[in-house]
Amino acid sequence: MLIPLFEGLKAGFPTSTDDTTQENIDLKDFLVERPYSTVYLKVSGESMLKEGIKDGDYIIVDKSIQAQVSDIIVAIVDKEYTLKYLSQDKNGNYYLEPANSDYPPIYPEEELVVFGVVIGVFRKYK
């Protein structure tokens, strides 16, 4: 479904309506590059708050992307799902880093599996 997209909107001072342009966008095409490996997940918790990911937001996760250090990932750590940054210590060990200082880093006791890499986030206000 195509939805009108207006470009040129400024979040600072107002923009003249003459300075905006319109085209159409399909949100699915914009947000999802590989539909067969992509899932949407609803976020619960505030450990990624400083990244702008809030409780109740929806994340778009691509399971086919190879995770890199500093990517935001959905991980299975010791048989539990979580959303964090993928990090690596100076010894080469992987761990999970939150984007909220109220939460500690997570070092796996047994196993750390990358479920997928976060490629987007969205929320509905009303």
N, C-alpha and C. Protein backbone atom coordinates (compact mmCIF):
# COMPACT_ATOMS: atom_id res chain seq x y z
N MET A 1 0.84 -1.17 0.00
CA MET A 1 0.00 0.00 0.00
C MET A 1 0.89 1.24 0.00
N LEU A 2 0.71 2.10 -0.96
CA LEU A 2 1.48 3.33 -1.05
C LEU A 2 0.85 4.42 -0.20
N ILE A 3 1.71 5.13 0.52
CA ILE A 3 1.29 6.22 1.40
C ILE A 3 2.06 7.47 0.96
N PRO A 4 1.41 8.64 0.93
CA PRO A 4 2.14 9.86 0.55
C PRO A 4 3.29 10.15 1.51
N LEU A 5 4.43 10.52 0.96
CA LEU A 5 5.60 10.91 1.74
C LEU A 5 5.95 12.33 1.37
N PHE A 6 5.96 13.22 2.36
CA PHE A 6 6.33 14.61 2.15
C PHE A 6 7.75 14.79 2.68
N GLU A 7 8.63 15.35 1.89
CA GLU A 7 10.01 15.60 2.30
C GLU A 7 10.22 17.08 2.49
N GLY A 8 11.12 17.44 3.39
CA GLY A 8 11.46 18.83 3.63
C GLY A 8 10.94 19.36 4.95
N LEU A 9 10.22 18.56 5.72
CA LEU A 9 9.70 18.99 7.01
C LEU A 9 10.85 19.18 7.99
N LYS A 10 10.91 20.34 8.60
CA LYS A 10 11.98 20.63 9.55
C LYS A 10 11.43 20.54 10.97
N ALA A 11 12.25 20.04 11.87
CA ALA A 11 11.85 19.95 13.27
C ALA A 11 12.30 21.19 14.05
N GLY A 12 12.96 22.11 13.37
CA GLY A 12 13.38 23.36 14.00
C GLY A 12 12.39 24.45 13.67
N PHE A 13 12.83 25.42 12.85
CA PHE A 13 11.94 26.50 12.42
C PHE A 13 10.99 25.99 11.35
N PRO A 14 9.81 26.59 11.25
CA PRO A 14 8.83 26.15 10.26
C PRO A 14 9.38 26.20 8.83
N THR A 15 8.83 25.33 7.97
CA THR A 15 9.22 25.24 6.57
C THR A 15 8.08 25.76 5.70
N SER A 16 8.42 26.50 4.68
CA SER A 16 7.41 26.94 3.73
C SER A 16 6.81 25.73 3.03
N THR A 17 5.52 25.76 2.79
CA THR A 17 4.89 24.65 2.07
C THR A 17 5.42 24.52 0.66
N ASP A 18 6.01 25.60 0.13
CA ASP A 18 6.61 25.55 -1.21
C ASP A 18 7.91 24.74 -1.22
N ASP A 19 8.51 24.54 -0.03
CA ASP A 19 9.80 23.84 0.07
C ASP A 19 9.63 22.33 0.29
N THR A 20 8.41 21.84 0.36
CA THR A 20 8.20 20.41 0.55
C THR A 20 7.90 19.74 -0.78
N THR A 21 8.28 18.48 -0.88
CA THR A 21 7.98 17.69 -2.07
C THR A 21 7.21 16.46 -1.65
N GLN A 22 6.46 15.90 -2.58
CA GLN A 22 5.66 14.72 -2.27
C GLN A 22 5.97 13.61 -3.24
N GLU A 23 6.07 12.41 -2.71
CA GLU A 23 6.15 11.18 -3.49
C GLU A 23 5.38 10.13 -2.71
N ASN A 24 5.37 8.92 -3.18
CA ASN A 24 4.70 7.84 -2.48
C ASN A 24 5.71 6.82 -1.99
N ILE A 25 5.41 6.21 -0.87
CA ILE A 25 6.31 5.22 -0.28
C ILE A 25 5.49 4.02 0.19
N ASP A 26 6.03 2.85 0.00
CA ASP A 26 5.46 1.63 0.57
C ASP A 26 6.29 1.30 1.80
N LEU A 27 5.70 1.40 2.98
CA LEU A 27 6.46 1.19 4.22
C LEU A 27 7.10 -0.18 4.29
N LYS A 28 6.41 -1.18 3.80
CA LYS A 28 6.98 -2.54 3.84
C LYS A 28 8.26 -2.59 3.00
N ASP A 29 8.23 -1.99 1.82
CA ASP A 29 9.43 -1.98 0.97
C ASP A 29 10.54 -1.15 1.60
N PHE A 30 10.18 -0.07 2.28
CA PHE A 30 11.17 0.79 2.91
C PHE A 30 11.81 0.12 4.12
N LEU A 31 11.01 -0.57 4.92
CA LEU A 31 11.49 -1.14 6.18
C LEU A 31 12.06 -2.55 6.06
N VAL A 32 11.59 -3.30 5.08
CA VAL A 32 11.94 -4.72 5.01
C VAL A 32 12.61 -5.02 3.67
N GLU A 33 13.90 -5.35 3.74
CA GLU A 33 14.65 -5.70 2.54
C GLU A 33 14.50 -7.17 2.18
N ARG A 34 14.49 -8.02 3.21
CA ARG A 34 14.40 -9.46 3.02
C ARG A 34 13.23 -10.01 3.84
N PRO A 35 12.02 -10.02 3.25
CA PRO A 35 10.83 -10.39 4.02
C PRO A 35 10.86 -11.80 4.58
N TYR A 36 11.54 -12.72 3.94
CA TYR A 36 11.53 -14.11 4.42
C TYR A 36 12.44 -14.34 5.62
N SER A 37 13.29 -13.36 5.92
CA SER A 37 14.16 -13.51 7.09
C SER A 37 13.92 -12.40 8.11
N THR A 38 12.82 -11.66 7.95
CA THR A 38 12.55 -10.52 8.80
C THR A 38 11.33 -10.79 9.69
N VAL A 39 11.46 -10.38 10.95
CA VAL A 39 10.36 -10.49 11.90
C VAL A 39 10.20 -9.16 12.63
N TYR A 40 9.00 -8.93 13.14
CA TYR A 40 8.72 -7.78 14.00
C TYR A 40 8.57 -8.31 15.42
N LEU A 41 9.12 -7.59 16.37
CA LEU A 41 9.02 -7.99 17.77
C LEU A 41 8.61 -6.78 18.61
N LYS A 42 7.77 -6.99 19.59
CA LYS A 42 7.39 -5.92 20.50
C LYS A 42 8.35 -5.90 21.68
N VAL A 43 8.86 -4.72 22.01
CA VAL A 43 9.85 -4.55 23.06
C VAL A 43 9.16 -4.44 24.41
N SER A 44 9.74 -5.10 25.40
CA SER A 44 9.29 -5.00 26.78
C SER A 44 10.51 -4.66 27.62
N GLY A 45 10.46 -3.55 28.30
CA GLY A 45 11.59 -3.15 29.15
C GLY A 45 12.26 -1.89 28.64
N GLU A 46 13.22 -1.40 29.42
CA GLU A 46 13.84 -0.12 29.12
C GLU A 46 15.37 -0.18 29.05
N SER A 47 15.93 -1.35 28.79
CA SER A 47 17.39 -1.47 28.78
C SER A 47 18.04 -0.81 27.56
N MET A 48 17.24 -0.44 26.53
CA MET A 48 17.80 0.20 25.34
C MET A 48 17.28 1.64 25.19
N LEU A 49 16.91 2.24 26.30
CA LEU A 49 16.28 3.56 26.32
C LEU A 49 17.17 4.64 25.70
N LYS A 50 18.46 4.65 25.99
CA LYS A 50 19.35 5.69 25.45
C LYS A 50 19.57 5.54 23.95
N GLU A 51 19.19 4.42 23.40
CA GLU A 51 19.23 4.22 21.95
C GLU A 51 17.92 4.69 21.32
N GLY A 52 16.96 5.07 22.17
CA GLY A 52 15.67 5.54 21.69
C GLY A 52 14.66 4.42 21.51
N ILE A 53 14.97 3.24 22.02
CA ILE A 53 14.05 2.11 21.94
C ILE A 53 13.35 1.98 23.29
N LYS A 54 12.04 2.23 23.27
CA LYS A 54 11.27 2.28 24.51
C LYS A 54 10.38 1.06 24.69
N ASP A 55 9.93 0.86 25.91
CA ASP A 55 8.96 -0.18 26.23
C ASP A 55 7.72 0.02 25.36
N GLY A 56 7.29 -1.03 24.68
CA GLY A 56 6.13 -0.96 23.82
C GLY A 56 6.43 -0.69 22.36
N ASP A 57 7.67 -0.31 22.05
CA ASP A 57 8.07 -0.10 20.65
C ASP A 57 8.10 -1.43 19.91
N TYR A 58 8.12 -1.35 18.61
CA TYR A 58 8.27 -2.53 17.76
C TYR A 58 9.61 -2.43 17.06
N ILE A 59 10.34 -3.53 17.04
CA ILE A 59 11.61 -3.56 16.32
C ILE A 59 11.47 -4.47 15.10
N ILE A 60 12.26 -4.15 14.10
CA ILE A 60 12.31 -4.95 12.88
C ILE A 60 13.65 -5.66 12.91
N VAL A 61 13.62 -6.98 12.85
CA VAL A 61 14.81 -7.80 13.03
C VAL A 61 15.03 -8.65 11.79
N ASP A 62 16.23 -8.55 11.22
CA ASP A 62 16.60 -9.38 10.06
C ASP A 62 17.49 -10.50 10.57
N LYS A 63 16.99 -11.72 10.43
CA LYS A 63 17.71 -12.89 10.93
C LYS A 63 18.82 -13.35 9.98
N SER A 64 18.91 -12.78 8.78
CA SER A 64 19.91 -13.21 7.81
C SER A 64 21.20 -12.39 7.86
N ILE A 65 21.21 -11.30 8.62
CA ILE A 65 22.39 -10.44 8.68
C ILE A 65 23.40 -10.99 9.68
N GLN A 66 24.65 -11.02 9.29
CA GLN A 66 25.74 -11.42 10.19
C GLN A 66 25.99 -10.28 11.17
N ALA A 67 25.80 -10.51 12.44
CA ALA A 67 25.97 -9.47 13.46
C ALA A 67 27.43 -9.07 13.61
N GLN A 68 27.63 -7.78 13.79
CA GLN A 68 28.95 -7.21 14.04
C GLN A 68 28.95 -6.58 15.44
N VAL A 69 30.11 -6.45 16.02
CA VAL A 69 30.23 -5.78 17.30
C VAL A 69 29.66 -4.37 17.16
N SER A 70 28.88 -3.95 18.11
CA SER A 70 28.18 -2.68 18.23
C SER A 70 26.81 -2.68 17.55
N ASP A 71 26.44 -3.75 16.84
CA ASP A 71 25.09 -3.86 16.31
C ASP A 71 24.11 -4.05 17.46
N ILE A 72 22.89 -3.57 17.27
CA ILE A 72 21.81 -3.88 18.20
C ILE A 72 21.24 -5.21 17.73
N ILE A 73 21.19 -6.16 18.64
CA ILE A 73 20.76 -7.50 18.26
C ILE A 73 19.68 -8.02 19.21
N VAL A 74 18.94 -8.98 18.71
CA VAL A 74 18.12 -9.83 19.57
C VAL A 74 18.97 -11.08 19.77
N ALA A 75 19.23 -11.39 21.03
CA ALA A 75 20.10 -12.51 21.35
C ALA A 75 19.34 -13.51 22.22
N ILE A 76 19.80 -14.73 22.12
CA ILE A 76 19.35 -15.77 23.05
C ILE A 76 20.57 -16.05 23.92
N VAL A 77 20.47 -15.63 25.16
CA VAL A 77 21.58 -15.81 26.09
C VAL A 77 21.10 -16.72 27.21
N ASP A 78 21.79 -17.83 27.35
CA ASP A 78 21.43 -18.83 28.37
C ASP A 78 19.93 -19.15 28.30
N LYS A 79 19.45 -19.36 27.08
CA LYS A 79 18.07 -19.78 26.79
C LYS A 79 17.01 -18.72 27.05
N GLU A 80 17.41 -17.44 27.09
CA GLU A 80 16.45 -16.34 27.26
C GLU A 80 16.72 -15.27 26.21
N TYR A 81 15.63 -14.70 25.66
CA TYR A 81 15.75 -13.65 24.66
C TYR A 81 16.01 -12.31 25.33
N THR A 82 16.81 -11.47 24.65
CA THR A 82 17.03 -10.11 25.12
C THR A 82 17.44 -9.23 23.94
N LEU A 83 17.34 -7.93 24.14
CA LEU A 83 17.69 -6.93 23.13
C LEU A 83 18.82 -6.08 23.69
N LYS A 84 19.98 -6.10 23.04
CA LYS A 84 21.14 -5.36 23.53
C LYS A 84 22.11 -5.10 22.37
N TYR A 85 23.18 -4.33 22.67
CA TYR A 85 24.30 -4.20 21.75
C TYR A 85 25.16 -5.45 21.85
N LEU A 86 25.68 -5.93 20.73
CA LEU A 86 26.68 -6.99 20.77
C LEU A 86 28.03 -6.34 21.04
N SER A 87 28.70 -6.78 22.07
CA SER A 87 30.00 -6.23 22.46
C SER A 87 31.02 -7.34 22.60
N GLN A 88 32.29 -6.94 22.63
CA GLN A 88 33.38 -7.90 22.76
C GLN A 88 34.43 -7.31 23.68
N ASP A 89 34.87 -8.11 24.66
CA ASP A 89 35.88 -7.61 25.59
C ASP A 89 37.28 -7.78 25.00
N LYS A 90 38.29 -7.32 25.72
CA LYS A 90 39.67 -7.35 25.20
C LYS A 90 40.21 -8.76 25.02
N ASN A 91 39.55 -9.76 25.62
CA ASN A 91 39.96 -11.16 25.45
C ASN A 91 39.24 -11.84 24.30
N GLY A 92 38.38 -11.09 23.61
CA GLY A 92 37.66 -11.65 22.47
C GLY A 92 36.35 -12.31 22.82
N ASN A 93 35.94 -12.21 24.08
CA ASN A 93 34.68 -12.82 24.51
C ASN A 93 33.51 -11.88 24.22
N TYR A 94 32.43 -12.43 23.68
CA TYR A 94 31.25 -11.63 23.39
C TYR A 94 30.37 -11.50 24.62
N TYR A 95 29.76 -10.34 24.74
CA TYR A 95 28.79 -10.10 25.80
C TYR A 95 27.77 -9.09 25.28
N LEU A 96 26.74 -8.82 26.07
CA LEU A 96 25.66 -7.93 25.66
C LEU A 96 25.66 -6.68 26.53
N GLU A 97 25.58 -5.53 25.85
CA GLU A 97 25.67 -4.24 26.53
C GLU A 97 24.35 -3.50 26.39
N PRO A 98 23.74 -3.08 27.50
CA PRO A 98 22.50 -2.31 27.43
C PRO A 98 22.78 -0.86 27.06
N ALA A 99 21.73 -0.13 26.67
CA ALA A 99 21.83 1.31 26.41
C ALA A 99 21.10 2.05 27.52
N ASN A 100 21.33 1.61 28.73
CA ASN A 100 20.74 2.22 29.91
C ASN A 100 21.61 1.81 31.10
N SER A 101 22.19 2.79 31.76
CA SER A 101 23.14 2.50 32.85
C SER A 101 22.47 1.85 34.06
N ASP A 102 21.15 1.80 34.10
CA ASP A 102 20.46 1.10 35.19
C ASP A 102 20.52 -0.42 35.04
N TYR A 103 21.01 -0.88 33.90
CA TYR A 103 21.07 -2.32 33.61
C TYR A 103 22.52 -2.74 33.44
N PRO A 104 22.90 -3.92 33.96
CA PRO A 104 24.29 -4.37 33.82
C PRO A 104 24.52 -5.06 32.48
N PRO A 105 25.79 -5.13 32.04
CA PRO A 105 26.11 -5.96 30.88
C PRO A 105 25.78 -7.42 31.18
N ILE A 106 25.53 -8.18 30.13
CA ILE A 106 25.21 -9.59 30.30
C ILE A 106 26.32 -10.43 29.69
N TYR A 107 26.96 -11.22 30.52
CA TYR A 107 27.98 -12.17 30.06
C TYR A 107 27.35 -13.56 30.11
N PRO A 108 27.34 -14.26 29.00
CA PRO A 108 26.69 -15.57 29.00
C PRO A 108 27.40 -16.55 29.93
N GLU A 109 26.61 -17.31 30.66
CA GLU A 109 27.17 -18.37 31.49
C GLU A 109 27.37 -19.62 30.67
N GLU A 110 26.47 -19.88 29.71
CA GLU A 110 26.56 -21.07 28.88
C GLU A 110 26.67 -20.74 27.40
N GLU A 111 25.65 -20.01 26.87
CA GLU A 111 25.59 -19.85 25.43
C GLU A 111 25.02 -18.48 25.05
N LEU A 112 25.58 -17.90 23.99
CA LEU A 112 25.08 -16.67 23.41
C LEU A 112 24.86 -16.91 21.92
N VAL A 113 23.59 -16.78 21.49
CA VAL A 113 23.23 -17.00 20.10
C VAL A 113 22.59 -15.73 19.57
N VAL A 114 23.03 -15.27 18.42
CA VAL A 114 22.40 -14.11 17.78
C VAL A 114 21.16 -14.59 17.04
N PHE A 115 20.00 -14.10 17.44
CA PHE A 115 18.75 -14.41 16.76
C PHE A 115 18.63 -13.57 15.50
N GLY A 116 19.00 -12.28 15.60
CA GLY A 116 18.92 -11.39 14.45
C GLY A 116 19.42 -10.00 14.79
N VAL A 117 19.59 -9.19 13.75
CA VAL A 117 20.09 -7.82 13.89
C VAL A 117 18.92 -6.86 13.71
N VAL A 118 18.84 -5.89 14.59
CA VAL A 118 17.78 -4.89 14.52
C VAL A 118 18.08 -3.93 13.36
N ILE A 119 17.12 -3.79 12.45
CA ILE A 119 17.30 -2.89 11.31
C ILE A 119 16.36 -1.69 11.37
N GLY A 120 15.44 -1.69 12.33
CA GLY A 120 14.53 -0.56 12.45
C GLY A 120 13.69 -0.65 13.70
N VAL A 121 13.05 0.46 14.02
CA VAL A 121 12.17 0.54 15.18
C VAL A 121 11.03 1.48 14.83
N PHE A 122 9.84 1.16 15.33
CA PHE A 122 8.73 2.08 15.13
C PHE A 122 7.79 2.02 16.33
N ARG A 123 7.01 3.11 16.47
CA ARG A 123 6.03 3.16 17.55
C ARG A 123 4.81 3.92 17.05
N LYS A 124 3.71 3.65 17.70
CA LYS A 124 2.47 4.32 17.38
C LYS A 124 2.11 5.20 18.58
N TYR A 125 1.83 6.47 18.33
CA TYR A 125 1.51 7.39 19.41
C TYR A 125 0.05 7.38 19.79
N LYS A 126 -0.84 7.21 18.84
CA LYS A 126 -2.27 7.21 19.15
C LYS A 126 -2.94 6.04 18.49
